[in-house]
Amino acid sequence: MAISYKKLWKLLIDRDLKKKDLQLLSGVSAASITKLGKNENVNTEILEKICVALECDISDIMEITNLESNRE
């Protein structure tokens, strides 16, 4: 299983925001935004800041995906 932040990027597009806007609104570092872009692990504090800034729930910005879709 893996974490995907595709929902976050779609939400930004829907709200006509760029990654830089997210960084400024949330106070999250550019390095953390880069990690999110690579679907890497980030601290829950970072996710909380993003949710507060975007006034959304954690499930609106991330999901758990199954990398082994052909599993028997």
Protein backbone atom coordinates (compact mmCIF):
# COMPACT_ATOMS: atom_id res chain seq x y z
CA MET A 1 0.00 0.00 0.00
CA ALA A 2 1.08 3.56 -0.65
CA ILE A 3 -0.10 7.11 -0.05
CA SER A 4 -1.28 9.22 -2.98
CA TYR A 5 -1.77 12.99 -2.90
CA LYS A 6 -3.50 13.18 -6.30
CA LYS A 7 -6.61 14.47 -4.54
CA LEU A 8 -4.59 17.42 -3.22
CA TRP A 9 -3.37 18.41 -6.68
CA LYS A 10 -6.89 18.09 -8.11
CA LEU A 11 -8.24 20.25 -5.29
CA LEU A 12 -5.63 22.92 -6.07
CA ILE A 13 -6.61 22.86 -9.75
CA ASP A 14 -10.30 23.11 -8.86
CA ARG A 15 -9.55 26.15 -6.68
CA ASP A 16 -7.19 27.69 -9.27
CA LEU A 17 -4.23 27.51 -6.87
CA LYS A 18 -0.60 26.68 -7.55
CA LYS A 19 1.82 24.78 -5.32
CA LYS A 20 3.42 28.11 -4.37
CA ASP A 21 0.01 29.40 -3.26
CA LEU A 22 -0.42 26.31 -1.09
CA GLN A 23 2.99 26.90 0.44
CA LEU A 24 2.13 30.50 1.31
CA LEU A 25 -1.38 29.75 2.59
CA SER A 26 -0.34 26.84 4.79
CA GLY A 27 3.14 27.90 5.92
CA VAL A 28 4.54 24.57 4.74
CA SER A 29 8.09 24.51 3.39
CA ALA A 30 8.93 24.09 -0.29
CA ALA A 31 10.73 20.85 0.61
CA SER A 32 7.51 19.44 2.08
CA ILE A 33 5.54 20.43 -1.03
CA THR A 34 8.18 18.60 -3.10
CA LYS A 35 7.80 15.49 -0.93
CA LEU A 36 4.04 15.60 -1.44
CA GLY A 37 4.60 15.86 -5.19
CA LYS A 38 6.63 12.65 -5.04
CA ASN A 39 4.04 10.89 -2.83
CA GLU A 40 6.64 10.61 -0.08
CA ASN A 41 5.85 10.48 3.63
CA VAL A 42 5.30 13.77 5.41
CA ASN A 43 4.56 14.64 9.02
CA THR A 44 0.89 14.73 10.05
CA GLU A 45 1.46 18.31 11.24
CA ILE A 46 2.11 19.29 7.61
CA LEU A 47 -1.09 17.58 6.47
CA GLU A 48 -3.00 19.34 9.23
CA LYS A 49 -1.66 22.76 8.17
CA ILE A 50 -2.73 22.07 4.59
CA CYS A 51 -6.22 20.98 5.67
CA VAL A 52 -6.64 24.08 7.83
CA ALA A 53 -5.43 26.37 5.02
CA LEU A 54 -7.71 24.75 2.43
CA GLU A 55 -10.60 24.24 4.88
CA CYS A 56 -10.90 20.58 4.00
CA ASP A 57 -10.67 17.13 5.54
CA ILE A 58 -7.64 14.82 5.35
CA SER A 59 -9.57 12.49 3.03
CA ASP A 60 -9.94 15.40 0.59
CA ILE A 61 -6.18 15.59 0.00
CA MET A 62 -4.87 12.04 0.26
CA GLU A 63 -5.76 8.38 -0.14
CA ILE A 64 -4.22 4.99 0.41
CA THR A 65 -3.67 3.10 -2.81
CA ASN A 66 -2.85 -0.54 -3.47
CA LEU A 67 0.28 -0.88 -5.60
CA GLU A 68 -0.24 -4.62 -5.97
CA SER A 69 -3.51 -4.50 -7.89
CA ASN A 70 -2.88 -7.92 -9.48
CA ARG A 71 -2.62 -9.64 -6.12
CA GLU A 72 -4.42 -12.99 -5.77
